[in-house]
Amino acid sequence: MSGSDQFFGRIKGNWRQRANERSTFASEFSLIPHWLIIVFFALYGVALVMVVGAVYTSPESLPDPLARQPHALQLLAMFGIVTGIAILVAGYVFLIAYINRDAKRRGMGPWLWTVIAMFVPYLIGVILYFVLREPYPFECPRCGRLVNAQFNFCPNCQCNLRPSCPNCRREIRLGDRFCPHCGMSLEASAPAPPENSPV
C-alpha cells in the first residue's frame, strides 16, 4: 500500500470514528474561553460608545451620505456597521480559540494548529484542521485505559487499536463483527474483554 493510500485511509478511518461522536453546539461553544467572550463584548461596548460620540460631537467625520441624515438614522447605520464588523471579527477569533482548545483535547498539538489556522490564507488552514482532526481519545477495549486516537497500540496492555481483517488486510473498526470490505466474520479475532469485566 502506497503512502498516499495509507494517508487517505487514515483520514477515512478518522471520519468513521468521528461519525460516532455526539456533541451539541452548547458543549462545543463552551470550549471558547469565557474571558475571551467578556473581552469581546467589552470592546464591542466601547466601539458603540465611540460611535455615539462621533455622531453627536463630530458628525462631519461620518461618511458624506450619513453626515446629512438625522442623528437617529446616523446612529442606526453606524450601529449596523459596527455590529457587522464585530460579528465577523468575533466569528474568526472564536473559531481560532475553538481550534486551539479542540486540538488540545484531541491530542493534536494545539499551538501548531492555531498557527496554521491563523496564517494559512483564505481559511484553508481552518478547513485543513476540520478535515484532518483526530477523533476523541477512547477507552482501550482490553484494559479500559484512555488512549489517544493516534495510537496503534495501547501503551498499557499492547492491545492492537487499529486491527485489520485477517482475510483482506484492510483496517476495520473496533467492535465490528464482520469485515465491511470482504464480509468475513471477525468474531474469532475480536480483542479479549478486560480481565476485570463480568463474563
Protein backbone atom coordinates (compact mmCIF):
# COMPACT_ATOMS: atom_id res chain seq x y z
CA MET A 1 0.00 0.00 0.00
CA SER A 2 1.43 3.38 -1.02
CA GLY A 3 1.96 6.29 1.35
CA SER A 4 -0.90 8.26 -0.18
CA ASP A 5 -3.25 5.28 0.24
CA GLN A 6 -2.27 5.00 3.89
CA PHE A 7 -2.75 8.76 4.37
CA PHE A 8 -6.23 8.84 2.85
CA GLY A 9 -7.11 5.57 4.55
CA ARG A 10 -6.19 7.16 7.88
CA ILE A 11 -8.40 10.17 7.09
CA LYS A 12 -11.32 7.90 6.19
CA GLY A 13 -10.79 5.95 9.40
CA ASN A 14 -10.82 9.19 11.39
CA TRP A 15 -14.04 10.26 9.71
CA ARG A 16 -15.68 6.94 10.56
CA GLN A 17 -14.65 7.28 14.20
CA ARG A 18 -15.74 10.92 14.38
CA ALA A 19 -19.15 9.95 12.98
CA ASN A 20 -19.85 8.30 16.35
CA GLU A 21 -19.04 11.45 18.33
CA ARG A 22 -22.05 13.07 19.93
CA SER A 23 -21.87 16.75 20.80
CA THR A 24 -24.10 19.82 20.90
CA PHE A 25 -23.49 23.40 19.86
CA ALA A 26 -23.58 24.45 23.54
CA SER A 27 -20.93 21.91 24.54
CA GLU A 28 -18.67 22.90 21.64
CA PHE A 29 -19.16 26.64 22.26
CA SER A 30 -18.20 26.13 25.91
CA LEU A 31 -14.65 25.37 24.70
CA ILE A 32 -14.19 29.07 23.90
CA PRO A 33 -12.60 30.75 26.95
CA HIS A 34 -15.06 32.86 28.94
CA TRP A 35 -12.53 35.65 29.34
CA LEU A 36 -12.30 35.97 25.56
CA ILE A 37 -16.08 36.37 25.27
CA ILE A 38 -16.05 39.01 28.03
CA VAL A 39 -13.22 40.93 26.32
CA PHE A 40 -15.08 40.84 23.01
CA PHE A 41 -18.30 42.24 24.47
CA ALA A 42 -16.34 44.89 26.36
CA LEU A 43 -14.62 46.02 23.15
CA TYR A 44 -17.96 45.95 21.34
CA GLY A 45 -19.46 48.19 24.01
CA VAL A 46 -16.52 50.62 23.72
CA ALA A 47 -16.98 50.72 19.94
CA LEU A 48 -20.67 51.57 20.34
CA VAL A 49 -19.86 54.37 22.79
CA MET A 50 -17.34 55.77 20.32
CA VAL A 51 -19.98 55.67 17.58
CA VAL A 52 -22.43 57.63 19.73
CA GLY A 53 -19.69 60.17 20.49
CA ALA A 54 -18.82 60.53 16.81
CA VAL A 55 -22.47 61.06 15.84
CA TYR A 56 -23.14 63.77 18.45
CA THR A 57 -19.79 65.53 18.75
CA SER A 58 -18.25 65.35 15.28
CA PRO A 59 -20.85 64.36 12.69
CA GLU A 60 -18.59 65.78 9.97
CA SER A 61 -16.31 62.76 10.49
CA LEU A 62 -19.04 60.46 9.22
CA PRO A 63 -19.22 59.44 5.53
CA ASP A 64 -20.90 62.08 3.35
CA PRO A 65 -24.19 60.22 2.77
CA LEU A 66 -24.63 59.80 6.53
CA ALA A 67 -23.47 63.28 7.55
CA ARG A 68 -26.60 64.85 6.04
CA GLN A 69 -29.02 62.43 7.73
CA PRO A 70 -30.83 62.83 11.10
CA HIS A 71 -28.98 61.66 14.22
CA ALA A 72 -31.31 58.67 14.69
CA LEU A 73 -30.55 57.37 11.20
CA GLN A 74 -26.84 58.04 11.66
CA LEU A 75 -26.83 56.05 14.91
CA LEU A 76 -28.78 53.18 13.36
CA ALA A 77 -26.45 52.98 10.36
CA MET A 78 -23.27 53.17 12.45
CA PHE A 79 -24.60 50.59 14.93
CA GLY A 80 -25.26 48.26 12.00
CA ILE A 81 -21.78 48.77 10.56
CA VAL A 82 -20.06 48.23 13.92
CA THR A 83 -22.21 45.17 14.69
CA GLY A 84 -21.49 43.61 11.29
CA ILE A 85 -17.74 44.09 11.70
CA ALA A 86 -17.93 42.79 15.27
CA ILE A 87 -19.73 39.62 14.16
CA LEU A 88 -17.11 38.89 11.50
CA VAL A 89 -14.18 39.55 13.86
CA ALA A 90 -15.75 37.60 16.73
CA GLY A 91 -16.54 34.65 14.46
CA TYR A 92 -12.93 34.46 13.32
CA VAL A 93 -11.41 34.92 16.79
CA PHE A 94 -13.80 32.44 18.41
CA LEU A 95 -13.09 29.91 15.66
CA ILE A 96 -9.34 30.16 16.25
CA ALA A 97 -9.88 29.80 20.02
CA TYR A 98 -12.11 26.76 19.41
CA ILE A 99 -9.49 25.11 17.21
CA ASN A 100 -6.85 25.64 19.92
CA ARG A 101 -8.98 24.02 22.63
CA ASP A 102 -10.40 21.29 20.40
CA ALA A 103 -6.94 20.29 19.12
CA LYS A 104 -5.72 20.06 22.72
CA ARG A 105 -8.46 17.66 23.79
CA ARG A 106 -7.81 15.52 20.69
CA GLY A 107 -4.04 15.38 21.33
CA MET A 108 -3.14 17.15 18.09
CA GLY A 109 -0.70 19.91 19.05
CA PRO A 110 -2.91 22.93 19.79
CA TRP A 111 -0.41 25.69 19.08
CA LEU A 112 0.69 24.21 15.76
CA TRP A 113 -2.89 24.04 14.52
CA THR A 114 -3.66 27.50 15.90
CA VAL A 115 -0.78 28.96 13.88
CA ILE A 116 -1.86 27.02 10.75
CA ALA A 117 -5.48 28.19 11.11
CA MET A 118 -4.40 31.81 11.63
CA PHE A 119 -1.74 32.22 8.96
CA VAL A 120 -2.65 29.90 6.08
CA PRO A 121 -4.68 32.29 3.90
CA TYR A 122 -8.29 32.12 2.69
CA LEU A 123 -9.31 29.94 5.66
CA ILE A 124 -7.50 26.98 4.09
CA GLY A 125 -5.81 26.28 7.44
CA VAL A 126 -9.21 26.14 9.17
CA ILE A 127 -10.58 23.79 6.51
CA LEU A 128 -7.49 21.57 6.81
CA TYR A 129 -7.99 21.32 10.56
CA PHE A 130 -11.59 20.15 10.28
CA VAL A 131 -10.65 17.65 7.54
CA LEU A 132 -7.62 16.21 9.34
CA ARG A 133 -8.59 16.42 13.00
CA GLU A 134 -8.30 13.24 15.02
CA PRO A 135 -11.19 11.57 16.85
CA TYR A 136 -11.55 11.92 20.61
CA PRO A 137 -9.39 9.69 22.80
CA PHE A 138 -11.20 6.45 23.62
CA GLU A 139 -11.02 3.57 26.08
CA CYS A 140 -8.84 0.61 25.22
CA PRO A 141 -11.18 -2.37 24.60
CA ARG A 142 -8.89 -4.68 26.62
CA CYS A 143 -7.80 -2.72 29.70
CA GLY A 144 -10.13 0.30 29.68
CA ARG A 145 -7.28 2.87 29.77
CA LEU A 146 -7.97 6.11 27.90
CA VAL A 147 -5.77 6.15 24.77
CA ASN A 148 -5.07 8.72 22.08
CA ALA A 149 -6.76 8.12 18.74
CA GLN A 150 -3.34 8.40 17.02
CA PHE A 151 -2.02 5.32 18.83
CA ASN A 152 -1.79 1.99 17.02
CA PHE A 153 -1.28 0.01 20.23
CA CYS A 154 -2.34 0.62 23.81
CA PRO A 155 0.72 1.75 25.82
CA ASN A 156 -0.67 -0.04 28.87
CA CYS A 157 -1.57 -3.52 27.58
CA GLN A 158 -0.30 -3.54 23.96
CA CYS A 159 -3.78 -4.17 22.55
CA ASN A 160 -3.97 -3.56 18.78
CA LEU A 161 -6.11 -0.43 18.47
CA ARG A 162 -6.17 -0.48 14.66
CA PRO A 163 -6.93 -4.10 13.82
CA SER A 164 -7.08 -5.35 10.25
CA CYS A 165 -9.20 -8.02 8.66
CA PRO A 166 -7.29 -11.35 8.61
CA ASN A 167 -8.66 -12.04 5.13
CA CYS A 168 -8.30 -8.79 3.13
CA ARG A 169 -5.84 -6.99 5.48
CA ARG A 170 -7.83 -3.75 5.39
CA GLU A 171 -8.40 -1.75 8.55
CA ILE A 172 -11.57 -2.47 10.50
CA ARG A 173 -13.26 -0.72 13.40
CA LEU A 174 -13.08 -1.96 16.95
CA GLY A 175 -16.27 -3.86 17.69
CA ASP A 176 -17.04 -4.84 14.08
CA ARG A 177 -18.49 -8.35 13.85
CA PHE A 178 -17.92 -8.64 10.10
CA CYS A 179 -15.38 -7.01 7.81
CA PRO A 180 -17.10 -4.13 5.95
CA HIS A 181 -14.83 -4.77 2.94
CA CYS A 182 -14.96 -8.53 2.35
CA GLY A 183 -17.70 -9.70 4.76
CA MET A 184 -15.54 -12.17 6.71
CA SER A 185 -16.61 -12.94 10.28
CA LEU A 186 -14.37 -11.25 12.84
CA GLU A 187 -15.69 -12.93 15.97
CA ALA A 188 -12.63 -15.16 16.37
CA SER A 189 -10.21 -12.24 16.04
CA ALA A 190 -12.05 -9.85 18.37
CA PRO A 191 -9.92 -8.46 21.25
CA ALA A 192 -10.31 -10.09 24.60
CA PRO A 193 -12.51 -8.23 27.13
CA PRO A 194 -10.90 -6.54 30.16
CA GLU A 195 -9.83 -9.02 32.81
CA ASN A 196 -11.99 -7.42 35.50
CA SER A 197 -15.12 -7.22 33.33
CA PRO A 198 -18.06 -9.56 34.09
CA VAL A 199 -18.39 -12.56 31.76
